[in-house]
PDB file of N, CA and C in Angstrom:
ATOM      1  N   UNK A   1     -40.301 -31.156  22.350  1.00  0.00           N
ATOM      2  CA  UNK A   1     -40.755 -32.460  22.745  1.00  0.00           C
ATOM      3  C   UNK A   1     -41.722 -32.307  23.925  1.00  0.00           C
ATOM      4  N   UNK A   2     -42.788 -33.107  23.915  1.00  0.00           N
ATOM      5  CA  UNK A   2     -43.787 -33.054  24.986  1.00  0.00           C
ATOM      6  C   UNK A   2     -43.334 -33.917  26.156  1.00  0.00           C
ATOM      7  N   UNK A   3     -43.347 -33.330  27.347  1.00  0.00           N
ATOM      8  CA  UNK A   3     -42.966 -34.055  28.561  1.00  0.00           C
ATOM      9  C   UNK A   3     -44.179 -34.642  29.271  1.00  0.00           C
ATOM     10  N   UNK A   4     -45.283 -33.868  29.349  1.00  0.00           N
ATOM     11  CA  UNK A   4     -46.507 -34.313  30.025  1.00  0.00           C
ATOM     12  C   UNK A   4     -47.710 -33.769  29.268  1.00  0.00           C
ATOM     13  N   UNK A   5     -48.807 -34.510  29.314  1.00  0.00           N
ATOM     14  CA  UNK A   5     -50.040 -34.066  28.670  1.00  0.00           C
ATOM     15  C   UNK A   5     -51.161 -34.024  29.705  1.00  0.00           C
ATOM     16  N   UNK A   6     -51.930 -32.940  29.679  1.00  0.00           N
ATOM     17  CA  UNK A   6     -53.063 -32.754  30.572  1.00  0.00           C
ATOM     18  C   UNK A   6     -54.298 -32.440  29.732  1.00  0.00           C
ATOM     19  N   UNK A   7     -55.494 -32.471  30.306  1.00  0.00           N
ATOM     20  CA  UNK A   7     -56.716 -32.255  29.520  1.00  0.00           C
ATOM     21  C   UNK A   7     -56.759 -30.945  28.727  1.00  0.00           C
ATOM     22  N   UNK A   8     -56.137 -29.875  29.206  1.00  0.00           N
ATOM     23  CA  UNK A   8     -56.228 -28.590  28.508  1.00  0.00           C
ATOM     24  C   UNK A   8     -54.876 -28.049  28.032  1.00  0.00           C
ATOM     25  N   UNK A   9     -53.776 -28.728  28.339  1.00  0.00           N
ATOM     26  CA  UNK A   9     -52.468 -28.237  27.925  1.00  0.00           C
ATOM     27  C   UNK A   9     -51.437 -29.354  27.983  1.00  0.00           C
ATOM     28  N   UNK A  10     -50.306 -29.116  27.339  1.00  0.00           N
ATOM     29  CA  UNK A  10     -49.160 -30.018  27.441  1.00  0.00           C
ATOM     30  C   UNK A  10     -47.996 -29.212  27.982  1.00  0.00           C
ATOM     31  N   UNK A  11     -47.064 -29.897  28.621  1.00  0.00           N
ATOM     32  CA  UNK A  11     -45.839 -29.257  29.098  1.00  0.00           C
ATOM     33  C   UNK A  11     -44.703 -29.770  28.217  1.00  0.00           C
ATOM     34  N   UNK A  12     -43.990 -28.821  27.614  1.00  0.00           N
ATOM     35  CA  UNK A  12     -42.890 -29.175  26.736  1.00  0.00           C
ATOM     36  C   UNK A  12     -41.627 -29.446  27.539  1.00  0.00           C
ATOM     37  N   UNK A  13     -40.654 -30.048  26.900  1.00  0.00           N
ATOM     38  CA  UNK A  13     -39.407 -30.438  27.564  1.00  0.00           C
ATOM     39  C   UNK A  13     -38.756 -29.274  28.311  1.00  0.00           C
ATOM     40  N   UNK A  14     -38.838 -28.060  27.770  1.00  0.00           N
ATOM     41  CA  UNK A  14     -38.222 -26.901  28.407  1.00  0.00           C
ATOM     42  C   UNK A  14     -39.065 -26.275  29.507  1.00  0.00           C
ATOM     43  N   UNK A  15     -40.249 -26.856  29.802  1.00  0.00           N
ATOM     44  CA  UNK A  15     -41.109 -26.354  30.854  1.00  0.00           C
ATOM     45  C   UNK A  15     -42.241 -25.464  30.366  1.00  0.00           C
ATOM     46  N   UNK A  16     -42.228 -25.086  29.084  1.00  0.00           N
ATOM     47  CA  UNK A  16     -43.274 -24.228  28.532  1.00  0.00           C
ATOM     48  C   UNK A  16     -44.619 -24.963  28.505  1.00  0.00           C
ATOM     49  N   UNK A  17     -45.685 -24.240  28.837  1.00  0.00           N
ATOM     50  CA  UNK A  17     -47.047 -24.768  28.808  1.00  0.00           C
ATOM     51  C   UNK A  17     -47.689 -24.392  27.483  1.00  0.00           C
ATOM     52  N   UNK A  18     -48.252 -25.363  26.794  1.00  0.00           N
ATOM     53  CA  UNK A  18     -48.911 -25.128  25.520  1.00  0.00           C
ATOM     54  C   UNK A  18     -50.364 -25.564  25.651  1.00  0.00           C
ATOM     55  N   UNK A  19     -51.286 -24.582  25.637  1.00  0.00           N
ATOM     56  CA  UNK A  19     -52.716 -24.869  25.785  1.00  0.00           C
ATOM     57  C   UNK A  19     -53.254 -25.488  24.502  1.00  0.00           C
ATOM     58  N   UNK A  20     -54.283 -26.349  24.626  1.00  0.00           N
ATOM     59  CA  UNK A  20     -54.909 -26.948  23.447  1.00  0.00           C
ATOM     60  C   UNK A  20     -56.371 -27.242  23.720  1.00  0.00           C
ATOM     61  N   UNK A  21     -57.140 -27.385  22.642  1.00  0.00           N
ATOM     62  CA  UNK A  21     -58.527 -27.825  22.739  1.00  0.00           C
ATOM     63  C   UNK A  21     -58.574 -29.332  22.545  1.00  0.00           C
ATOM     64  N   UNK A  22     -57.958 -29.792  21.479  1.00  0.00           N
ATOM     65  CA  UNK A  22     -57.832 -31.218  21.183  1.00  0.00           C
ATOM     66  C   UNK A  22     -56.364 -31.482  20.911  1.00  0.00           C
ATOM     67  N   UNK A  23     -55.804 -32.454  21.567  1.00  0.00           N
ATOM     68  CA  UNK A  23     -54.402 -32.806  21.366  1.00  0.00           C
ATOM     69  C   UNK A  23     -54.341 -34.073  20.525  1.00  0.00           C
ATOM     70  N   UNK A  24     -53.751 -33.990  19.342  1.00  0.00           N
ATOM     71  CA  UNK A  24     -53.568 -35.154  18.461  1.00  0.00           C
ATOM     72  C   UNK A  24     -52.083 -35.457  18.437  1.00  0.00           C
ATOM     73  N   UNK A  25     -51.739 -36.670  18.861  1.00  0.00           N
ATOM     74  CA  UNK A  25     -50.347 -37.068  18.936  1.00  0.00           C
ATOM     75  C   UNK A  25     -50.116 -38.138  17.878  1.00  0.00           C
ATOM     76  N   UNK A  26     -49.317 -37.844  16.884  1.00  0.00           N
ATOM     77  CA  UNK A  26     -49.075 -38.793  15.801  1.00  0.00           C
ATOM     78  C   UNK A  26     -47.613 -38.714  15.392  1.00  0.00           C
ATOM     79  N   UNK A  27     -46.805 -39.639  15.896  1.00  0.00           N
ATOM     80  CA  UNK A  27     -45.381 -39.632  15.597  1.00  0.00           C
ATOM     81  C   UNK A  27     -44.855 -41.047  15.469  1.00  0.00           C
ATOM     82  N   UNK A  28     -43.738 -41.194  14.815  1.00  0.00           N
ATOM     83  CA  UNK A  28     -43.019 -42.462  14.774  1.00  0.00           C
ATOM     84  C   UNK A  28     -43.675 -43.527  13.921  1.00  0.00           C
ATOM     85  N   UNK A  29     -43.051 -44.701  13.918  1.00  0.00           N
ATOM     86  CA  UNK A  29     -43.578 -45.821  13.146  1.00  0.00           C
ATOM     87  C   UNK A  29     -43.706 -47.089  13.978  1.00  0.00           C
ATOM     88  N   UNK A  30     -43.673 -46.942  15.282  1.00  0.00           N
ATOM     89  CA  UNK A  30     -43.849 -48.065  16.203  1.00  0.00           C
ATOM     90  C   UNK A  30     -44.471 -47.523  17.483  1.00  0.00           C
ATOM     91  N   UNK A  31     -45.042 -48.411  18.241  1.00  0.00           N
ATOM     92  CA  UNK A  31     -45.686 -47.992  19.490  1.00  0.00           C
ATOM     93  C   UNK A  31     -44.677 -47.324  20.421  1.00  0.00           C
ATOM     94  N   UNK A  32     -45.060 -46.206  20.982  1.00  0.00           N
ATOM     95  CA  UNK A  32     -44.252 -45.426  21.906  1.00  0.00           C
ATOM     96  C   UNK A  32     -44.334 -46.046  23.300  1.00  0.00           C
ATOM     97  N   UNK A  33     -43.315 -45.869  24.134  1.00  0.00           N
ATOM     98  CA  UNK A  33     -43.396 -46.371  25.512  1.00  0.00           C
ATOM     99  C   UNK A  33     -44.642 -45.876  26.249  1.00  0.00           C
ATOM    100  N   UNK A  34     -45.146 -44.694  25.889  1.00  0.00           N
ATOM    101  CA  UNK A  34     -46.376 -44.189  26.492  1.00  0.00           C
ATOM    102  C   UNK A  34     -47.529 -45.157  26.236  1.00  0.00           C
ATOM    103  N   UNK A  35     -47.561 -45.751  25.035  1.00  0.00           N
ATOM    104  CA  UNK A  35     -48.608 -46.723  24.705  1.00  0.00           C
ATOM    105  C   UNK A  35     -48.513 -47.919  25.645  1.00  0.00           C
ATOM    106  N   UNK A  36     -47.308 -48.383  25.900  1.00  0.00           N
ATOM    107  CA  UNK A  36     -47.122 -49.522  26.799  1.00  0.00           C
ATOM    108  C   UNK A  36     -47.644 -49.190  28.195  1.00  0.00           C
ATOM    109  N   UNK A  37     -47.416 -47.955  28.642  1.00  0.00           N
ATOM    110  CA  UNK A  37     -47.907 -47.544  29.955  1.00  0.00           C
ATOM    111  C   UNK A  37     -49.422 -47.508  29.982  1.00  0.00           C
ATOM    112  N   UNK A  38     -50.034 -46.990  28.917  1.00  0.00           N
ATOM    113  CA  UNK A  38     -51.498 -46.951  28.860  1.00  0.00           C
ATOM    114  C   UNK A  38     -52.077 -48.355  28.862  1.00  0.00           C
ATOM    115  N   UNK A  39     -51.455 -49.243  28.092  1.00  0.00           N
ATOM    116  CA  UNK A  39     -51.916 -50.635  28.039  1.00  0.00           C
ATOM    117  C   UNK A  39     -51.896 -51.247  29.438  1.00  0.00           C
ATOM    118  N   UNK A  40     -50.866 -50.954  30.203  1.00  0.00           N
ATOM    119  CA  UNK A  40     -50.725 -51.531  31.535  1.00  0.00           C
ATOM    120  C   UNK A  40     -51.671 -50.905  32.560  1.00  0.00           C
ATOM    121  N   UNK A  41     -52.053 -49.632  32.378  1.00  0.00           N
ATOM    122  CA  UNK A  41     -52.851 -48.932  33.384  1.00  0.00           C
ATOM    123  C   UNK A  41     -54.341 -48.872  33.103  1.00  0.00           C
ATOM    124  N   UNK A  42     -54.779 -49.259  31.916  1.00  0.00           N
ATOM    125  CA  UNK A  42     -56.206 -49.276  31.591  1.00  0.00           C
ATOM    126  C   UNK A  42     -56.635 -50.738  31.577  1.00  0.00           C
ATOM    127  N   UNK A  43     -57.458 -51.166  32.547  1.00  0.00           N
ATOM    128  CA  UNK A  43     -57.810 -52.585  32.664  1.00  0.00           C
ATOM    129  C   UNK A  43     -58.305 -53.224  31.373  1.00  0.00           C
ATOM    130  N   UNK A  44     -59.153 -52.550  30.615  1.00  0.00           N
ATOM    131  CA  UNK A  44     -59.669 -53.129  29.366  1.00  0.00           C
ATOM    132  C   UNK A  44     -58.547 -53.350  28.361  1.00  0.00           C
ATOM    133  N   UNK A  45     -57.537 -52.496  28.380  1.00  0.00           N
ATOM    134  CA  UNK A  45     -56.411 -52.636  27.467  1.00  0.00           C
ATOM    135  C   UNK A  45     -55.501 -53.794  27.905  1.00  0.00           C
ATOM    136  N   UNK A  46     -55.278 -53.911  29.194  1.00  0.00           N
ATOM    137  CA  UNK A  46     -54.433 -54.992  29.708  1.00  0.00           C
ATOM    138  C   UNK A  46     -55.034 -56.344  29.352  1.00  0.00           C
ATOM    139  N   UNK A  47     -56.348 -56.469  29.469  1.00  0.00           N
ATOM    140  CA  UNK A  47     -57.030 -57.719  29.130  1.00  0.00           C
ATOM    141  C   UNK A  47     -56.892 -58.026  27.641  1.00  0.00           C
ATOM    142  N   UNK A  48     -57.088 -57.025  26.799  1.00  0.00           N
ATOM    143  CA  UNK A  48     -57.018 -57.207  25.345  1.00  0.00           C
ATOM    144  C   UNK A  48     -55.608 -57.565  24.881  1.00  0.00           C
ATOM    145  N   UNK A  49     -54.597 -57.139  25.617  1.00  0.00           N
ATOM    146  CA  UNK A  49     -53.208 -57.356  25.217  1.00  0.00           C
ATOM    147  C   UNK A  49     -52.515 -58.467  26.005  1.00  0.00           C
ATOM    148  N   UNK A  50     -53.259 -59.194  26.824  1.00  0.00           N
ATOM    149  CA  UNK A  50     -52.663 -60.251  27.658  1.00  0.00           C
ATOM    150  C   UNK A  50     -51.927 -61.272  26.791  1.00  0.00           C
ATOM    151  N   UNK A  51     -50.716 -61.592  27.202  1.00  0.00           N
ATOM    152  CA  UNK A  51     -49.926 -62.603  26.515  1.00  0.00           C
ATOM    153  C   UNK A  51     -49.122 -62.091  25.337  1.00  0.00           C
ATOM    154  N   UNK A  52     -49.309 -60.849  24.939  1.00  0.00           N
ATOM    155  CA  UNK A  52     -48.554 -60.298  23.815  1.00  0.00           C
ATOM    156  C   UNK A  52     -47.249 -59.701  24.325  1.00  0.00           C
ATOM    157  N   UNK A  53     -46.175 -59.818  23.536  1.00  0.00           N
ATOM    158  CA  UNK A  53     -44.925 -59.172  23.956  1.00  0.00           C
ATOM    159  C   UNK A  53     -45.114 -57.660  24.001  1.00  0.00           C
ATOM    160  N   UNK A  54     -44.376 -56.982  24.847  1.00  0.00           N
ATOM    161  CA  UNK A  54     -44.542 -55.540  25.038  1.00  0.00           C
ATOM    162  C   UNK A  54     -44.454 -54.765  23.729  1.00  0.00           C
ATOM    163  N   UNK A  55     -43.543 -55.157  22.838  1.00  0.00           N
ATOM    164  CA  UNK A  55     -43.393 -54.415  21.583  1.00  0.00           C
ATOM    165  C   UNK A  55     -44.576 -54.632  20.641  1.00  0.00           C
ATOM    166  N   UNK A  56     -45.376 -55.663  20.859  1.00  0.00           N
ATOM    167  CA  UNK A  56     -46.506 -55.933  19.981  1.00  0.00           C
ATOM    168  C   UNK A  56     -47.826 -55.399  20.498  1.00  0.00           C
ATOM    169  N   UNK A  57     -47.811 -54.786  21.655  1.00  0.00           N
ATOM    170  CA  UNK A  57     -49.048 -54.292  22.252  1.00  0.00           C
ATOM    171  C   UNK A  57     -49.512 -53.013  21.565  1.00  0.00           C
ATOM    172  N   UNK A  58     -50.813 -52.959  21.332  1.00  0.00           N
ATOM    173  CA  UNK A  58     -51.415 -51.775  20.730  1.00  0.00           C
ATOM    174  C   UNK A  58     -52.636 -51.395  21.545  1.00  0.00           C
ATOM    175  N   UNK A  59     -53.070 -50.162  21.394  1.00  0.00           N
ATOM    176  CA  UNK A  59     -54.282 -49.712  22.068  1.00  0.00           C
ATOM    177  C   UNK A  59     -55.486 -50.170  21.264  1.00  0.00           C
ATOM    178  N   UNK A  60     -56.398 -50.868  21.907  1.00  0.00           N
ATOM    179  CA  UNK A  60     -57.619 -51.313  21.263  1.00  0.00           C
ATOM    180  C   UNK A  60     -58.546 -50.111  21.155  1.00  0.00           C
ATOM    181  N   UNK A  61     -59.017 -49.828  19.939  1.00  0.00           N
ATOM    182  CA  UNK A  61     -59.896 -48.681  19.705  1.00  0.00           C
ATOM    183  C   UNK A  61     -61.173 -49.143  19.009  1.00  0.00           C
ATOM    184  N   UNK A  62     -62.237 -48.346  19.165  1.00  0.00           N
ATOM    185  CA  UNK A  62     -63.480 -48.647  18.457  1.00  0.00           C
ATOM    186  C   UNK A  62     -63.421 -48.031  17.059  1.00  0.00           C
ATOM    187  N   UNK A  63     -64.504 -48.114  16.307  1.00  0.00           N
ATOM    188  CA  UNK A  63     -64.499 -47.630  14.927  1.00  0.00           C
ATOM    189  C   UNK A  63     -64.381 -46.108  14.822  1.00  0.00           C
ATOM    190  N   UNK A  64     -64.479 -45.392  15.954  1.00  0.00           N
ATOM    191  CA  UNK A  64     -64.285 -43.943  15.972  1.00  0.00           C
ATOM    192  C   UNK A  64     -62.918 -43.573  16.537  1.00  0.00           C
ATOM    193  N   UNK A  65     -62.038 -44.564  16.699  1.00  0.00           N
ATOM    194  CA  UNK A  65     -60.672 -44.412  17.212  1.00  0.00           C
ATOM    195  C   UNK A  65     -60.608 -44.020  18.682  1.00  0.00           C
ATOM    196  N   UNK A  66     -61.713 -44.259  19.413  1.00  0.00           N
ATOM    197  CA  UNK A  66     -61.719 -44.010  20.858  1.00  0.00           C
ATOM    198  C   UNK A  66     -61.069 -45.199  21.555  1.00  0.00           C
ATOM    199  N   UNK A  67     -60.148 -44.929  22.470  1.00  0.00           N
ATOM    200  CA  UNK A  67     -59.455 -45.992  23.201  1.00  0.00           C
ATOM    201  C   UNK A  67     -60.445 -46.683  24.136  1.00  0.00           C
ATOM    202  N   UNK A  68     -60.571 -47.993  23.982  1.00  0.00           N
ATOM    203  CA  UNK A  68     -61.484 -48.780  24.802  1.00  0.00           C
ATOM    204  C   UNK A  68     -61.033 -48.724  26.257  1.00  0.00           C
ATOM    205  N   UNK A  69     -61.933 -48.324  27.155  1.00  0.00           N
ATOM    206  CA  UNK A  69     -61.641 -48.278  28.578  1.00  0.00           C
ATOM    207  C   UNK A  69     -61.047 -46.972  29.068  1.00  0.00           C
ATOM    208  N   UNK A  70     -60.870 -45.997  28.180  1.00  0.00           N
ATOM    209  CA  UNK A  70     -60.308 -44.700  28.570  1.00  0.00           C
ATOM    210  C   UNK A  70     -61.212 -43.595  28.040  1.00  0.00           C
ATOM    211  N   UNK A  71     -61.546 -42.659  28.872  1.00  0.00           N
ATOM    212  CA  UNK A  71     -62.437 -41.574  28.482  1.00  0.00           C
ATOM    213  C   UNK A  71     -61.658 -40.437  27.813  1.00  0.00           C
ATOM    214  N   UNK A  72     -62.190 -39.925  26.724  1.00  0.00           N
ATOM    215  CA  UNK A  72     -61.616 -38.773  26.018  1.00  0.00           C
ATOM    216  C   UNK A  72     -60.205 -39.010  25.491  1.00  0.00           C
ATOM    217  N   UNK A  73     -59.896 -40.250  25.116  1.00  0.00           N
ATOM    218  CA  UNK A  73     -58.586 -40.561  24.547  1.00  0.00           C
ATOM    219  C   UNK A  73     -58.801 -41.241  23.197  1.00  0.00           C
ATOM    220  N   UNK A  74     -58.123 -40.726  22.170  1.00  0.00           N
ATOM    221  CA  UNK A  74     -58.172 -41.305  20.833  1.00  0.00           C
ATOM    222  C   UNK A  74     -56.795 -41.846  20.485  1.00  0.00           C
ATOM    223  N   UNK A  75     -56.748 -42.870  19.635  1.00  0.00           N
ATOM    224  CA  UNK A  75     -55.465 -43.407  19.174  1.00  0.00           C
ATOM    225  C   UNK A  75     -55.593 -43.792  17.707  1.00  0.00           C
ATOM    226  N   UNK A  76     -54.518 -43.588  16.958  1.00  0.00           N
ATOM    227  CA  UNK A  76     -54.508 -43.961  15.556  1.00  0.00           C
ATOM    228  C   UNK A  76     -53.108 -44.348  15.136  1.00  0.00           C
ATOM    229  N   UNK A  77     -52.991 -44.942  13.984  1.00  0.00           N
ATOM    230  CA  UNK A  77     -51.683 -45.305  13.454  1.00  0.00           C
ATOM    231  C   UNK A  77     -51.137 -46.590  14.034  1.00  0.00           C
ATOM    232  N   UNK A  78     -49.815 -46.651  14.135  1.00  0.00           N
ATOM    233  CA  UNK A  78     -49.129 -47.876  14.545  1.00  0.00           C
ATOM    234  C   UNK A  78     -49.407 -48.303  15.978  1.00  0.00           C
ATOM    235  N   UNK A  79     -49.925 -47.389  16.805  1.00  0.00           N
ATOM    236  CA  UNK A  79     -50.165 -47.737  18.202  1.00  0.00           C
ATOM    237  C   UNK A  79     -51.595 -48.228  18.433  1.00  0.00           C
ATOM    238  N   UNK A  80     -52.442 -48.241  17.378  1.00  0.00           N
ATOM    239  CA  UNK A  80     -53.857 -48.583  17.554  1.00  0.00           C
ATOM    240  C   UNK A  80     -54.241 -49.838  16.784  1.00  0.00           C
ATOM    241  N   UNK A  81     -55.212 -50.542  17.328  1.00  0.00           N
ATOM    242  CA  UNK A  81     -55.785 -51.715  16.674  1.00  0.00           C
ATOM    243  C   UNK A  81     -57.301 -51.608  16.799  1.00  0.00           C
ATOM    244  N   UNK A  82     -57.983 -51.528  15.653  1.00  0.00           N
ATOM    245  CA  UNK A  82     -59.438 -51.385  15.650  1.00  0.00           C
ATOM    246  C   UNK A  82     -60.067 -52.701  16.084  1.00  0.00           C
ATOM    247  N   UNK A  83     -60.958 -52.643  17.091  1.00  0.00           N
ATOM    248  CA  UNK A  83     -61.516 -53.863  17.670  1.00  0.00           C
ATOM    249  C   UNK A  83     -62.463 -54.611  16.732  1.00  0.00           C
ATOM    250  N   UNK A  84     -62.860 -53.992  15.622  1.00  0.00           N
ATOM    251  CA  UNK A  84     -63.736 -54.692  14.672  1.00  0.00           C
ATOM    252  C   UNK A  84     -62.939 -55.623  13.772  1.00  0.00           C
ATOM    253  N   UNK A  85     -61.642 -55.634  13.912  1.00  0.00           N
ATOM    254  CA  UNK A  85     -60.796 -56.521  13.125  1.00  0.00           C
ATOM    255  C   UNK A  85     -59.788 -55.719  12.322  1.00  0.00           C
ATOM    256  N   UNK A  86     -58.818 -56.405  11.724  1.00  0.00           N
ATOM    257  CA  UNK A  86     -57.785 -55.694  10.965  1.00  0.00           C
ATOM    258  C   UNK A  86     -58.367 -55.043   9.718  1.00  0.00           C
ATOM    259  N   UNK A  87     -57.773 -53.919   9.333  1.00  0.00           N
ATOM    260  CA  UNK A  87     -58.187 -53.228   8.122  1.00  0.00           C
ATOM    261  C   UNK A  87     -57.249 -53.615   6.986  1.00  0.00           C
ATOM    262  N   UNK A  88     -57.692 -53.521   5.749  1.00  0.00           N
ATOM    263  CA  UNK A  88     -56.786 -53.805   4.640  1.00  0.00           C
ATOM    264  C   UNK A  88     -55.619 -52.824   4.623  1.00  0.00           C
ATOM    265  N   UNK A  89     -54.506 -53.230   4.067  1.00  0.00           N
ATOM    266  CA  UNK A  89     -53.292 -52.393   4.059  1.00  0.00           C
ATOM    267  C   UNK A  89     -53.553 -51.033   3.425  1.00  0.00           C
ATOM    268  N   UNK A  90     -54.465 -50.956   2.477  1.00  0.00           N
ATOM    269  CA  UNK A  90     -54.745 -49.671   1.828  1.00  0.00           C
ATOM    270  C   UNK A  90     -55.530 -48.727   2.707  1.00  0.00           C
ATOM    271  N   UNK A  91     -56.007 -49.168   3.868  1.00  0.00           N
ATOM    272  CA  UNK A  91     -56.781 -48.320   4.764  1.00  0.00           C
ATOM    273  C   UNK A  91     -55.887 -47.371   5.556  1.00  0.00           C
ATOM    274  N   UNK A  92     -54.588 -47.502   5.415  1.00  0.00           N
ATOM    275  CA  UNK A  92     -53.670 -46.632   6.148  1.00  0.00           C
ATOM    276  C   UNK A  92     -53.799 -45.239   5.642  1.00  0.00           C
TER     277      UNK A  92
END
């Protein structure tokens, strides 16, 4: 399990450092608490999610899955919402 993520490596639960070039995080079927933290700490995300219950908050992404308001961060799946509008169910 990943405990912390940094630009060039992640730290696993046991303390091991795992270096990476690109880190793709894709797990679960609902937004992770990490998503809620990002929503709260990135001003553009907080504005986009204002008034939504915490469990319904998603990261707003552009058509290239880049998180709006955050540099070098991508999001996909259940934690992301494309800012161009909802995609058809078959787009999953």
